[in-house]
N, C-alpha and C. Protein backbone atom coordinates (compact mmCIF):
# COMPACT_ATOMS: atom_id res chain seq x y z
N MET A 1 70.97 24.37 21.25
CA MET A 1 70.68 24.43 20.06
C MET A 1 69.61 25.39 20.00
N THR A 2 69.49 26.21 18.80
CA THR A 2 68.38 27.25 18.58
C THR A 2 67.38 26.53 17.97
N VAL A 3 66.46 27.38 18.06
CA VAL A 3 65.02 27.16 17.22
C VAL A 3 65.16 26.53 16.00
N GLU A 4 66.07 27.74 15.30
CA GLU A 4 66.40 27.45 13.65
C GLU A 4 67.29 26.30 13.35
N GLU A 5 68.21 25.94 14.29
CA GLU A 5 68.82 24.46 13.97
C GLU A 5 68.00 23.15 14.47
N LEU A 6 67.14 23.41 15.22
CA LEU A 6 66.08 22.31 15.44
C LEU A 6 65.06 22.30 14.23
N LEU A 7 64.47 23.08 13.62
CA LEU A 7 63.69 23.40 12.53
C LEU A 7 64.49 22.84 11.13
N SER A 8 65.78 22.90 11.36
CA SER A 8 66.66 22.59 10.06
C SER A 8 66.61 21.13 9.74
N PHE A 9 66.25 20.26 10.89
CA PHE A 9 66.47 18.89 10.72
C PHE A 9 64.99 18.42 9.91
N ASP A 10 64.38 19.39 9.53
CA ASP A 10 62.98 18.91 8.75
C ASP A 10 62.27 17.63 9.30
N LEU A 11 62.21 17.82 10.81
CA LEU A 11 61.16 16.72 11.32
C LEU A 11 59.90 16.71 11.15
N PRO A 12 59.19 15.51 10.85
CA PRO A 12 57.65 15.74 10.32
C PRO A 12 56.82 16.49 11.51
N LEU A 13 57.17 16.47 12.86
CA LEU A 13 56.42 16.68 13.91
C LEU A 13 56.53 18.36 13.88
N PHE A 14 57.31 18.94 13.33
CA PHE A 14 57.54 20.37 13.10
C PHE A 14 57.47 21.00 11.78
N SER A 15 56.88 19.96 10.92
CA SER A 15 56.67 20.45 9.64
C SER A 15 55.63 21.84 9.43
N GLY A 16 55.94 22.72 8.72
CA GLY A 16 55.10 24.00 8.71
C GLY A 16 55.22 24.70 9.82
N ILE A 17 56.12 24.62 10.79
CA ILE A 17 55.99 25.46 11.86
C ILE A 17 57.38 26.19 11.63
N THR A 18 57.18 27.81 12.24
CA THR A 18 58.18 28.48 12.02
C THR A 18 58.86 28.86 13.06
N ALA A 19 59.90 29.64 13.16
CA ALA A 19 60.52 29.85 14.39
C ALA A 19 59.67 30.88 15.29
N ASP A 20 58.93 31.52 14.65
CA ASP A 20 58.03 32.63 15.42
C ASP A 20 56.81 31.82 16.16
N ASP A 21 56.44 30.48 15.51
CA ASP A 21 55.67 29.76 16.41
C ASP A 21 56.41 29.21 17.64
N LEU A 22 57.43 29.11 17.82
CA LEU A 22 58.33 28.57 18.79
C LEU A 22 59.05 29.77 19.50
N SER A 23 58.70 30.93 19.34
CA SER A 23 59.25 31.95 20.21
C SER A 23 58.71 32.12 21.65
N GLY A 24 59.83 32.08 22.32
CA GLY A 24 59.31 32.26 23.83
C GLY A 24 59.55 30.87 24.65
N ILE A 25 59.74 29.65 23.62
CA ILE A 25 59.84 28.32 24.33
C ILE A 25 61.23 27.96 24.26
N PRO A 26 61.97 28.00 25.60
CA PRO A 26 63.57 27.47 25.60
C PRO A 26 63.31 26.04 24.96
N ILE A 27 64.42 26.23 23.89
CA ILE A 27 64.83 24.77 23.32
C ILE A 27 65.74 24.05 23.93
N SER A 28 65.59 23.13 24.64
CA SER A 28 66.74 22.21 25.20
C SER A 28 67.00 20.88 24.46
N VAL A 29 67.79 20.60 23.51
CA VAL A 29 67.81 19.59 22.71
C VAL A 29 69.24 19.30 22.39
N THR A 30 69.87 17.97 22.53
CA THR A 30 71.13 17.46 22.42
C THR A 30 70.98 16.26 21.49
N GLU A 31 72.14 15.93 20.64
CA GLU A 31 72.31 14.78 19.81
C GLU A 31 73.22 13.71 20.73
N LYS A 32 72.78 12.60 20.12
CA LYS A 32 73.81 11.40 20.64
C LYS A 32 73.53 10.32 19.61
N THR A 33 74.68 9.62 19.43
CA THR A 33 74.95 8.55 18.49
C THR A 33 74.95 7.31 19.23
N PHE A 34 74.34 6.42 18.90
CA PHE A 34 74.45 4.80 19.44
C PHE A 34 74.67 3.88 18.63
N SER A 35 75.50 3.06 18.99
CA SER A 35 75.95 1.89 18.05
C SER A 35 74.74 0.59 17.90
N ALA A 36 75.30 -0.28 16.92
CA ALA A 36 74.24 -1.41 16.70
C ALA A 36 74.15 -1.97 17.86
N TRP A 37 72.33 -2.44 18.46
CA TRP A 37 71.98 -3.33 19.37
C TRP A 37 72.45 -2.82 20.81
N GLN A 38 72.56 -1.03 20.70
CA GLN A 38 72.97 -0.29 22.07
C GLN A 38 71.33 0.08 22.31
N THR A 39 71.20 -0.27 23.68
CA THR A 39 69.69 0.20 24.42
C THR A 39 69.73 1.88 24.81
N ILE A 40 68.81 2.47 23.94
CA ILE A 40 68.56 3.74 23.95
C ILE A 40 68.04 4.44 25.38
N PHE A 41 66.94 3.65 25.48
CA PHE A 41 66.57 3.44 27.04
C PHE A 41 65.68 2.23 27.26
N ASP A 42 65.81 1.70 28.47
CA ASP A 42 65.28 0.41 28.94
C ASP A 42 63.73 0.51 29.22
N GLN A 43 63.26 -0.64 29.23
CA GLN A 43 61.51 -0.79 29.59
C GLN A 43 61.92 -0.60 31.24
N ASP A 44 61.02 0.31 31.56
CA ASP A 44 60.82 0.71 33.26
C ASP A 44 61.90 1.62 33.64
N ASP A 45 62.53 2.32 32.97
CA ASP A 45 63.43 3.29 32.73
C ASP A 45 62.69 4.52 33.41
N SER A 46 63.14 5.17 34.35
CA SER A 46 62.56 6.31 34.78
C SER A 46 63.36 7.64 34.15
N SER A 47 63.17 7.59 32.73
CA SER A 47 63.72 8.91 31.86
C SER A 47 62.22 9.33 31.08
N TYR A 48 62.50 10.55 30.91
CA TYR A 48 61.23 11.13 30.31
C TYR A 48 61.16 12.08 29.22
N ASP A 49 62.46 12.02 28.62
CA ASP A 49 62.61 12.96 27.60
C ASP A 49 62.20 12.23 26.11
N LEU A 50 61.89 13.27 25.30
CA LEU A 50 61.30 12.96 23.95
C LEU A 50 62.77 12.69 22.95
N TYR A 51 62.50 11.66 22.14
CA TYR A 51 63.65 11.59 20.94
C TYR A 51 62.99 11.44 19.59
N PHE A 52 64.00 11.88 18.79
CA PHE A 52 63.79 11.90 17.47
C PHE A 52 64.89 10.98 16.80
N LEU A 53 64.60 10.34 15.57
CA LEU A 53 65.67 9.56 14.97
C LEU A 53 65.83 10.31 14.06
N LEU A 54 67.31 10.58 13.78
CA LEU A 54 67.89 11.55 12.57
C LEU A 54 68.55 10.35 11.62
N TYR A 55 69.07 9.47 11.73
CA TYR A 55 69.33 8.10 11.05
C TYR A 55 69.58 6.98 11.64
N GLY A 56 69.69 5.79 10.94
CA GLY A 56 69.70 4.61 11.57
C GLY A 56 68.21 3.70 11.69
N SER A 57 68.48 2.64 12.35
CA SER A 57 67.07 1.62 12.53
C SER A 57 67.10 1.58 13.81
N LEU A 58 65.58 1.63 14.44
CA LEU A 58 65.30 1.48 15.85
C LEU A 58 64.22 0.47 15.95
N LEU A 59 64.09 -0.20 17.00
CA LEU A 59 63.19 -1.11 17.55
C LEU A 59 62.45 -0.82 18.86
N ALA A 60 61.10 -0.76 18.74
CA ALA A 60 60.52 -0.79 20.12
C ALA A 60 60.31 -1.81 20.68
N VAL A 61 60.94 -2.57 21.72
CA VAL A 61 60.70 -3.86 22.25
C VAL A 61 60.21 -4.04 23.70
N TYR A 62 59.28 -5.03 23.60
CA TYR A 62 58.64 -5.48 25.13
C TYR A 62 59.33 -6.76 25.61
N TRP A 63 59.79 -6.88 26.76
CA TRP A 63 60.66 -7.99 27.31
C TRP A 63 59.84 -8.57 28.43
N THR A 64 59.10 -9.88 27.98
CA THR A 64 58.06 -10.58 29.06
C THR A 64 58.90 -11.00 30.40
N THR A 65 58.32 -11.46 31.14
CA THR A 65 59.11 -11.73 32.57
C THR A 65 59.75 -13.13 32.15
N GLU A 66 59.34 -13.90 31.27
CA GLU A 66 60.39 -15.25 30.71
C GLU A 66 61.15 -14.68 29.70
N GLY A 67 61.46 -13.63 29.47
CA GLY A 67 62.42 -13.05 28.66
C GLY A 67 62.18 -13.20 27.10
N ARG A 68 60.92 -13.27 26.98
CA ARG A 68 60.39 -13.33 25.27
C ARG A 68 60.49 -11.78 24.92
N GLU A 69 60.88 -11.73 23.58
CA GLU A 69 60.80 -10.42 23.07
C GLU A 69 59.60 -10.14 22.10
N ILE A 70 59.02 -9.22 22.57
CA ILE A 70 57.87 -8.67 21.65
C ILE A 70 58.24 -7.37 20.97
N VAL A 71 58.44 -7.37 19.66
CA VAL A 71 58.56 -6.26 18.72
C VAL A 71 57.35 -5.30 18.62
N PHE A 72 57.42 -4.20 18.88
CA PHE A 72 55.89 -3.46 18.70
C PHE A 72 56.14 -2.45 17.43
N SER A 73 57.31 -1.90 17.07
CA SER A 73 57.38 -1.21 15.96
C SER A 73 58.68 -0.90 15.61
N ARG A 74 58.85 -0.36 14.34
CA ARG A 74 60.24 0.13 13.86
C ARG A 74 59.78 1.70 13.63
N PHE A 75 61.11 2.19 13.93
CA PHE A 75 60.78 3.75 13.63
C PHE A 75 61.38 4.22 12.54
N PRO A 76 60.61 4.93 11.49
CA PRO A 76 61.16 5.45 10.46
C PRO A 76 62.13 7.04 10.75
N VAL A 77 62.92 7.13 10.21
CA VAL A 77 63.85 8.42 10.09
C VAL A 77 63.05 9.46 10.31
N GLY A 78 63.16 10.37 11.17
CA GLY A 78 62.50 11.61 11.33
C GLY A 78 61.42 11.34 12.55
N ALA A 79 60.97 10.01 12.97
CA ALA A 79 59.82 9.89 13.94
C ALA A 79 60.38 10.38 15.23
N TYR A 80 59.47 10.78 16.05
CA TYR A 80 59.67 10.66 17.71
C TYR A 80 59.19 9.78 18.40
N PHE A 81 59.82 9.49 19.50
CA PHE A 81 59.32 8.32 20.46
C PHE A 81 59.82 8.74 21.69
N GLY A 82 59.15 7.91 22.66
CA GLY A 82 59.28 8.16 24.07
C GLY A 82 58.28 9.23 24.37
N GLU A 83 57.16 9.37 23.95
CA GLU A 83 56.38 10.50 24.36
C GLU A 83 55.33 10.11 25.27
N LEU A 84 55.09 8.90 25.58
CA LEU A 84 54.17 8.35 26.59
C LEU A 84 54.82 8.81 28.01
N ALA A 85 56.11 8.62 28.26
CA ALA A 85 56.72 8.79 29.35
C ALA A 85 56.92 10.32 29.73
N ALA A 86 57.10 11.03 28.34
CA ALA A 86 57.33 12.69 28.47
C ALA A 86 55.98 13.24 28.83
N LEU A 87 54.91 12.65 28.54
CA LEU A 87 53.40 13.02 28.68
C LEU A 87 53.07 12.90 30.36
N ASP A 88 53.24 11.68 30.61
CA ASP A 88 52.77 11.47 31.97
C ASP A 88 53.83 11.45 33.12
N GLY A 89 54.94 11.11 32.63
CA GLY A 89 55.98 11.35 33.89
C GLY A 89 56.19 10.13 34.52
N THR A 90 55.61 8.80 33.94
CA THR A 90 55.79 7.25 34.52
C THR A 90 56.75 6.65 33.75
N SER A 91 57.23 5.53 34.33
CA SER A 91 58.25 4.97 33.77
C SER A 91 58.19 4.46 32.37
N ARG A 92 59.23 3.85 31.52
CA ARG A 92 58.97 3.70 30.14
C ARG A 92 58.42 2.40 29.87
N SER A 93 57.24 2.21 29.11
CA SER A 93 56.73 0.72 28.92
C SER A 93 57.36 0.14 28.15
N LEU A 94 58.12 0.52 27.09
CA LEU A 94 58.95 -0.25 26.29
C LEU A 94 60.35 0.08 26.30
N ALA A 95 61.47 -0.98 25.73
CA ALA A 95 62.53 -0.42 25.43
C ALA A 95 62.99 0.03 23.96
N ALA A 96 63.79 0.96 23.74
CA ALA A 96 64.01 1.38 22.49
C ALA A 96 65.44 1.11 22.09
N VAL A 97 65.90 0.17 21.17
CA VAL A 97 66.90 -0.35 20.73
C VAL A 97 67.48 -0.09 19.46
N SER A 98 68.71 0.31 19.20
CA SER A 98 69.28 0.52 17.91
C SER A 98 69.76 -0.62 17.24
N LYS A 99 68.96 -0.95 16.00
CA LYS A 99 69.36 -2.24 15.27
C LYS A 99 70.65 -1.90 14.45
N THR A 100 70.83 -0.72 14.14
CA THR A 100 72.01 -0.13 13.54
C THR A 100 72.56 0.94 14.29
N GLU A 101 73.84 1.49 13.68
CA GLU A 101 74.19 2.63 14.36
C GLU A 101 72.93 3.68 14.11
N ALA A 102 72.84 4.58 15.10
CA ALA A 102 71.83 5.53 14.82
C ALA A 102 72.24 6.77 15.77
N LYS A 103 71.56 8.03 15.13
CA LYS A 103 71.87 9.16 15.76
C LYS A 103 70.50 9.80 16.15
N VAL A 104 70.28 10.51 17.49
CA VAL A 104 69.10 10.89 17.87
C VAL A 104 69.25 12.17 18.43
N LEU A 105 68.01 13.10 18.44
CA LEU A 105 67.91 14.27 19.03
C LEU A 105 66.98 13.91 20.25
N ILE A 106 67.56 14.37 21.35
CA ILE A 106 67.00 14.24 22.35
C ILE A 106 66.56 15.64 22.91
N LEU A 107 65.12 15.54 23.39
CA LEU A 107 64.34 16.91 23.84
C LEU A 107 63.94 16.82 25.12
N LYS A 108 64.30 17.70 25.92
CA LYS A 108 63.91 17.68 27.66
C LYS A 108 62.47 17.41 27.39
N ARG A 109 62.00 17.01 28.66
CA ARG A 109 60.46 16.63 28.82
C ARG A 109 60.11 18.01 29.00
N GLU A 110 60.74 19.07 29.81
CA GLU A 110 60.10 20.22 30.37
C GLU A 110 59.70 21.03 28.81
N CYS A 111 60.69 20.94 28.16
CA CYS A 111 60.40 21.78 26.58
C CYS A 111 59.60 21.00 26.03
N PHE A 112 59.67 19.73 25.74
CA PHE A 112 58.44 18.73 25.01
C PHE A 112 57.03 19.40 25.63
N LEU A 113 56.88 19.49 27.07
CA LEU A 113 55.67 19.72 27.47
C LEU A 113 55.08 21.08 27.00
N GLN A 114 55.99 21.91 27.10
CA GLN A 114 55.55 23.42 26.89
C GLN A 114 55.35 23.42 25.21
N LEU A 115 56.02 22.76 24.53
CA LEU A 115 55.69 22.78 22.66
C LEU A 115 54.14 22.13 22.96
N PHE A 116 53.85 20.96 23.59
CA PHE A 116 52.65 20.41 23.67
C PHE A 116 51.63 21.39 24.14
N ASN A 117 51.75 21.97 24.95
CA ASN A 117 50.60 22.79 25.62
C ASN A 117 50.55 24.38 24.85
N GLU A 118 51.60 24.80 24.03
CA GLU A 118 51.58 26.11 23.69
C GLU A 118 51.58 26.27 21.95
N VAL A 119 51.92 25.05 21.35
CA VAL A 119 51.83 24.80 20.00
C VAL A 119 50.80 23.94 19.40
N PRO A 120 49.61 24.46 19.29
CA PRO A 120 48.73 23.63 19.01
C PRO A 120 48.61 22.66 17.55
N THR A 121 49.44 22.96 16.58
CA THR A 121 49.75 21.83 15.65
C THR A 121 50.79 20.78 16.32
N VAL A 122 51.66 20.90 17.17
CA VAL A 122 52.39 19.66 17.65
C VAL A 122 51.28 18.91 18.38
N ARG A 123 50.43 19.80 19.30
CA ARG A 123 49.39 18.93 20.07
C ARG A 123 48.59 18.35 19.12
N ASP A 124 48.10 18.77 18.27
CA ASP A 124 47.27 17.95 17.35
C ASP A 124 47.98 16.70 16.63
N ARG A 125 49.27 16.91 16.06
CA ARG A 125 49.80 15.97 15.52
C ARG A 125 50.14 14.46 16.49
N ILE A 126 50.67 14.89 17.78
CA ILE A 126 50.73 13.96 18.63
C ILE A 126 49.48 13.31 19.21
N THR A 127 48.48 14.16 19.57
CA THR A 127 47.29 13.51 19.92
C THR A 127 46.74 12.32 18.51
N ARG A 128 46.87 13.11 17.30
CA ARG A 128 46.24 12.10 16.26
C ARG A 128 47.20 10.86 15.90
N GLN A 129 48.55 11.22 16.42
CA GLN A 129 49.29 9.66 16.56
C GLN A 129 48.94 8.82 17.39
N LEU A 130 48.59 9.33 18.78
CA LEU A 130 48.12 8.38 19.69
C LEU A 130 47.06 7.65 19.53
N VAL A 131 46.02 8.47 18.71
CA VAL A 131 44.56 7.78 18.57
C VAL A 131 45.03 6.64 17.44
N GLU A 132 45.72 6.83 16.44
CA GLU A 132 46.10 6.00 15.29
C GLU A 132 46.90 4.90 15.93
N ARG A 133 47.91 4.96 17.09
CA ARG A 133 48.42 3.89 17.51
C ARG A 133 47.54 2.83 18.24
N ILE A 134 46.29 3.53 19.13
CA ILE A 134 45.22 2.76 19.65
C ILE A 134 44.69 2.09 18.61
N ARG A 135 44.23 2.39 17.65
CA ARG A 135 43.59 1.79 16.58
C ARG A 135 44.43 0.53 15.95
N ILE A 136 45.66 0.63 16.12
CA ILE A 136 46.59 -0.25 15.43
C ILE A 136 46.64 -1.30 16.27
N LEU A 137 46.71 -1.07 17.44
CA LEU A 137 47.19 -1.95 18.99
C LEU A 137 45.62 -2.84 18.79
N THR A 138 44.56 -2.09 18.64
CA THR A 138 43.29 -2.97 18.68
C THR A 138 43.15 -3.69 17.40
N GLU A 139 43.43 -3.34 16.19
CA GLU A 139 43.51 -4.29 15.00
C GLU A 139 44.48 -5.33 15.14
N ARG A 140 45.72 -5.16 15.85
CA ARG A 140 46.74 -6.32 16.09
C ARG A 140 46.25 -7.23 17.03
N ASN A 141 45.49 -6.96 18.00
CA ASN A 141 45.02 -7.73 18.95
C ASN A 141 43.88 -8.83 18.39
N MET A 142 43.11 -8.01 17.38
CA MET A 142 42.02 -8.90 16.74
C MET A 142 42.61 -9.88 15.76
N GLU A 143 43.92 -9.50 15.08
CA GLU A 143 44.39 -10.46 14.37
C GLU A 143 45.00 -11.76 14.85
N MET A 144 45.67 -11.22 16.30
CA MET A 144 46.25 -12.42 16.94
C MET A 144 45.12 -13.31 17.50
N THR A 145 43.87 -13.28 17.72
CA THR A 145 42.96 -13.89 18.34
C THR A 145 42.15 -14.61 17.41
N THR A 146 41.92 -13.83 15.99
CA THR A 146 41.35 -14.68 14.94
C THR A 146 41.73 -15.10 13.81
N LEU A 147 43.14 -14.96 13.66
CA LEU A 147 43.85 -15.34 12.50
C LEU A 147 44.88 -16.34 12.69
N SER A 148 45.04 -17.42 11.77
CA SER A 148 46.24 -18.23 11.88
C SER A 148 47.44 -17.53 11.68
N VAL A 149 48.77 -18.29 12.13
CA VAL A 149 50.02 -17.46 11.96
C VAL A 149 50.25 -17.25 10.38
N GLU A 150 49.73 -18.19 9.55
CA GLU A 150 49.98 -17.94 8.18
C GLU A 150 49.34 -16.53 7.73
N GLN A 151 48.07 -16.47 8.20
CA GLN A 151 47.20 -15.33 7.80
C GLN A 151 47.87 -14.22 8.47
N ARG A 152 48.39 -14.24 9.61
CA ARG A 152 49.19 -13.35 10.28
C ARG A 152 50.37 -12.63 9.75
N VAL A 153 51.30 -13.72 9.06
CA VAL A 153 52.29 -13.49 8.15
C VAL A 153 52.28 -12.77 6.94
N GLY A 154 51.01 -13.22 6.22
CA GLY A 154 50.47 -12.59 5.16
C GLY A 154 50.20 -11.29 5.33
N THR A 155 49.29 -11.05 6.36
CA THR A 155 48.77 -9.51 6.74
C THR A 155 49.83 -8.48 6.98
N TYR A 156 50.98 -9.27 7.71
CA TYR A 156 52.23 -8.45 7.93
C TYR A 156 52.84 -8.04 6.85
N LEU A 157 53.30 -8.97 5.85
CA LEU A 157 54.00 -8.73 4.82
C LEU A 157 53.24 -7.66 3.73
N PHE A 158 51.62 -7.88 3.80
CA PHE A 158 50.94 -7.21 2.58
C PHE A 158 50.70 -5.72 3.47
N ARG A 159 50.75 -5.63 4.61
CA ARG A 159 50.87 -4.31 5.29
C ARG A 159 52.13 -3.51 5.00
N LEU A 160 53.32 -4.38 5.40
CA LEU A 160 54.76 -3.82 5.09
C LEU A 160 54.76 -3.31 3.69
N ALA A 161 54.37 -4.07 2.73
CA ALA A 161 54.46 -3.47 1.31
C ALA A 161 54.17 -2.37 1.20
N ALA A 162 52.69 -2.24 1.59
CA ALA A 162 51.68 -1.37 1.27
C ALA A 162 52.69 -0.03 1.80
N GLU A 163 52.84 -0.17 3.12
CA GLU A 163 53.54 1.08 3.90
C GLU A 163 54.77 1.50 2.93
N HIS A 164 55.42 0.65 2.24
CA HIS A 164 56.78 1.00 1.79
C HIS A 164 56.56 1.69 0.39
N GLY A 165 55.27 1.46 -0.21
CA GLY A 165 54.93 1.81 -1.50
C GLY A 165 55.43 0.93 -2.50
N LYS A 166 55.46 -0.59 -2.13
CA LYS A 166 56.13 -1.74 -2.67
C LYS A 166 54.95 -2.70 -3.20
N LEU A 167 53.70 -2.53 -3.10
CA LEU A 167 52.79 -3.43 -3.36
C LEU A 167 52.57 -3.65 -4.92
N ALA A 168 53.61 -4.10 -5.52
CA ALA A 168 53.51 -4.25 -6.97
C ALA A 168 54.45 -5.31 -7.15
N ALA A 169 54.25 -6.19 -8.38
CA ALA A 169 54.94 -7.06 -9.04
C ALA A 169 56.40 -6.83 -9.12
N GLY A 170 57.31 -7.28 -8.57
CA GLY A 170 58.66 -6.91 -8.81
C GLY A 170 59.39 -6.20 -7.83
N ALA A 171 58.61 -5.43 -6.84
CA ALA A 171 59.00 -4.35 -5.82
C ALA A 171 59.82 -5.07 -4.80
N VAL A 172 60.70 -4.42 -4.49
CA VAL A 172 61.47 -5.25 -3.40
C VAL A 172 61.64 -4.23 -2.20
N ILE A 173 61.38 -4.68 -0.95
CA ILE A 173 61.85 -4.40 0.42
C ILE A 173 63.18 -4.35 0.78
N GLU A 174 63.93 -3.36 1.08
CA GLU A 174 65.16 -3.50 1.29
C GLU A 174 65.22 -3.36 2.86
N ASN A 175 66.36 -3.89 3.69
CA ASN A 175 66.25 -3.81 4.97
C ASN A 175 65.06 -4.23 5.59
N ALA A 176 64.42 -5.36 5.44
CA ALA A 176 63.18 -5.83 5.68
C ALA A 176 63.33 -6.55 7.05
N PRO A 177 62.30 -6.23 8.02
CA PRO A 177 62.40 -7.21 9.30
C PRO A 177 62.89 -8.62 9.02
N THR A 178 63.84 -9.18 9.90
CA THR A 178 64.08 -10.49 10.09
C THR A 178 62.95 -11.13 10.44
N HIS A 179 62.88 -12.59 10.24
CA HIS A 179 61.85 -13.64 10.69
C HIS A 179 61.60 -13.36 12.12
N ALA A 180 62.73 -13.16 12.97
CA ALA A 180 62.49 -13.18 14.47
C ALA A 180 61.78 -11.70 14.87
N GLU A 181 61.92 -10.84 14.07
CA GLU A 181 61.31 -9.46 14.17
C GLU A 181 59.80 -9.59 13.84
N ILE A 182 59.62 -10.30 12.81
CA ILE A 182 58.35 -10.32 12.53
C ILE A 182 57.64 -11.32 13.48
N ALA A 183 57.99 -12.15 13.81
CA ALA A 183 57.46 -13.42 14.86
C ALA A 183 57.34 -12.52 16.22
N GLY A 184 58.28 -11.63 16.47
CA GLY A 184 58.06 -10.81 17.79
C GLY A 184 56.91 -9.87 17.69
N THR A 185 56.63 -9.59 16.33
CA THR A 185 55.58 -8.43 16.25
C THR A 185 54.13 -8.95 16.10
N ILE A 186 54.06 -10.31 15.58
CA ILE A 186 52.76 -10.85 15.38
C ILE A 186 52.29 -11.98 16.47
N GLY A 187 53.17 -12.16 17.26
CA GLY A 187 52.90 -13.00 18.36
C GLY A 187 53.22 -14.55 17.84
N ALA A 188 54.29 -14.77 17.20
CA ALA A 188 54.58 -16.30 16.95
C ALA A 188 55.84 -16.51 17.35
N ASN A 189 56.49 -17.69 16.87
CA ASN A 189 57.98 -17.86 16.90
C ASN A 189 58.54 -18.08 15.47
N ARG A 190 59.91 -17.75 15.53
CA ARG A 190 60.62 -17.69 14.54
C ARG A 190 60.66 -18.86 13.45
N GLU A 191 60.37 -19.96 13.95
CA GLU A 191 60.16 -21.17 12.91
C GLU A 191 58.96 -21.01 12.25
N MET A 192 58.09 -20.64 13.15
CA MET A 192 56.44 -20.60 12.38
C MET A 192 56.56 -19.51 11.34
N VAL A 193 57.02 -18.52 11.58
CA VAL A 193 57.07 -17.43 10.66
C VAL A 193 58.00 -17.83 9.36
N SER A 194 59.06 -18.66 9.53
CA SER A 194 60.06 -18.93 8.41
C SER A 194 59.10 -20.05 7.51
N ARG A 195 58.45 -20.87 8.22
CA ARG A 195 57.68 -22.22 7.63
C ARG A 195 56.58 -21.32 6.72
N SER A 196 55.92 -20.22 7.11
CA SER A 196 54.89 -19.36 6.51
C SER A 196 55.41 -18.79 5.30
N ILE A 197 56.95 -18.17 5.35
CA ILE A 197 57.23 -17.41 4.17
C ILE A 197 57.62 -18.40 3.29
N SER A 198 58.32 -19.50 3.90
CA SER A 198 58.72 -20.52 2.66
C SER A 198 57.49 -21.03 1.83
N LYS A 199 56.29 -21.12 2.56
CA LYS A 199 55.14 -21.53 1.69
C LYS A 199 54.63 -20.46 0.81
N LEU A 200 54.95 -19.28 1.09
CA LEU A 200 54.52 -18.15 0.21
C LEU A 200 55.46 -17.98 -0.95
N SER A 201 56.72 -18.36 -0.80
CA SER A 201 58.01 -18.44 -1.72
C SER A 201 57.58 -19.40 -2.63
N ARG A 202 57.28 -20.77 -1.97
CA ARG A 202 56.76 -21.81 -3.12
C ARG A 202 55.75 -21.55 -4.04
N LEU A 203 54.94 -21.08 -3.25
CA LEU A 203 53.64 -20.45 -3.97
C LEU A 203 53.84 -19.52 -5.28
N GLY A 204 54.94 -18.93 -4.91
CA GLY A 204 55.36 -17.89 -6.09
C GLY A 204 54.98 -16.21 -5.74
N VAL A 205 54.66 -16.50 -4.43
CA VAL A 205 53.83 -15.06 -3.92
C VAL A 205 55.03 -13.96 -3.61
N VAL A 206 56.02 -14.34 -2.74
CA VAL A 206 57.20 -13.55 -2.31
C VAL A 206 58.59 -14.30 -2.80
N LYS A 207 59.65 -13.53 -2.67
CA LYS A 207 60.86 -14.08 -2.60
C LYS A 207 61.78 -13.54 -1.48
N SER A 208 62.22 -14.33 -0.63
CA SER A 208 62.76 -13.91 0.70
C SER A 208 64.17 -14.15 0.62
N SER A 209 65.07 -13.02 0.95
CA SER A 209 66.40 -13.59 1.62
C SER A 209 66.81 -12.51 2.62
N ARG A 210 68.07 -12.57 2.89
CA ARG A 210 68.58 -11.79 4.12
C ARG A 210 68.05 -10.44 4.10
N GLN A 211 67.04 -10.08 4.75
CA GLN A 211 66.64 -8.84 5.15
C GLN A 211 66.44 -8.19 3.70
N ARG A 212 65.54 -9.03 2.81
CA ARG A 212 65.23 -8.39 1.48
C ARG A 212 63.89 -9.38 1.17
N ILE A 213 62.64 -8.51 0.83
CA ILE A 213 61.57 -9.29 0.39
C ILE A 213 61.07 -8.67 -1.00
N GLU A 214 61.03 -9.76 -1.84
CA GLU A 214 60.64 -9.15 -3.19
C GLU A 214 59.17 -9.72 -3.28
N ILE A 215 58.25 -8.75 -3.73
CA ILE A 215 57.15 -9.03 -3.75
C ILE A 215 56.52 -9.72 -5.32
N LEU A 216 56.30 -10.63 -5.40
CA LEU A 216 56.14 -11.30 -6.85
C LEU A 216 54.69 -11.29 -7.42
N ASP A 217 53.73 -11.58 -6.42
CA ASP A 217 52.20 -11.61 -6.84
C ASP A 217 51.56 -10.79 -5.66
N PRO A 218 51.44 -9.50 -5.81
CA PRO A 218 50.56 -8.83 -4.96
C PRO A 218 49.28 -9.47 -4.59
N GLU A 219 48.36 -9.73 -5.61
CA GLU A 219 47.24 -10.22 -5.84
C GLU A 219 47.27 -11.55 -4.90
N GLY A 220 48.30 -12.55 -5.23
CA GLY A 220 48.37 -13.49 -4.36
C GLY A 220 48.65 -13.57 -3.09
N LEU A 221 49.10 -12.29 -2.73
CA LEU A 221 49.55 -12.13 -1.26
C LEU A 221 48.37 -11.70 -0.62
N SER A 222 47.42 -10.94 -1.24
CA SER A 222 46.14 -10.52 -0.67
C SER A 222 45.21 -11.57 -0.58
N LYS A 223 45.22 -12.84 -1.52
CA LYS A 223 44.46 -13.92 -1.38
C LYS A 223 44.97 -14.85 0.24
N GLU A 224 46.21 -14.59 0.39
CA GLU A 224 46.51 -15.44 1.48
C GLU A 224 45.93 -14.64 2.80
N LEU A 225 45.29 -13.70 2.96
CA LEU A 225 44.92 -13.01 3.97
C LEU A 225 43.52 -13.66 4.44
N SER A 226 42.79 -14.29 3.26
CA SER A 226 41.53 -14.95 3.67
C SER A 226 41.70 -16.13 4.08
């Protein structure tokens, strides 16, 4: 794949970067399509390449020794993932699983490291995202230790609506996380999440159906956080 072909995907990591900025860096990229619920790479895998999501829906998942699934994040289209192993050359800390059919670009580690070392814009964006991730994980840890399950569900839904620009009465979040995904993200079980969302529905705050959440009362949702 040429530099021009890579840039034609309009990936956020390379926004504003030109072919001249990448001149002299050998680009080694392949495309691969995964079916629904196929593992892209597993936890503890000894693979070190960087991935970009072209289309579909992916989850970052951690499996405990007891087999419990903890969902860390969903990847938006255009996002990169797998950068930790690519940076330090150690095994994967999380698994990446395709929730739907998905297509990814796979950038070889050697190429990624050269981009990181020689293109300041790429290095700055990756560093900033790593810092943001640390802040998010710190915040999530505080929520798990100080908030009730109902409060954590409310916080999750409020944040989800805000991230999708849906924090308004009548706004609908399509392809929303399942109750099991929410549970895995906030450190609860599915039944507790379902009860909390049912309570919000009875209060007229949200309306929930299969992977669809309608925000009925944004102010009421924010009050549930306290």
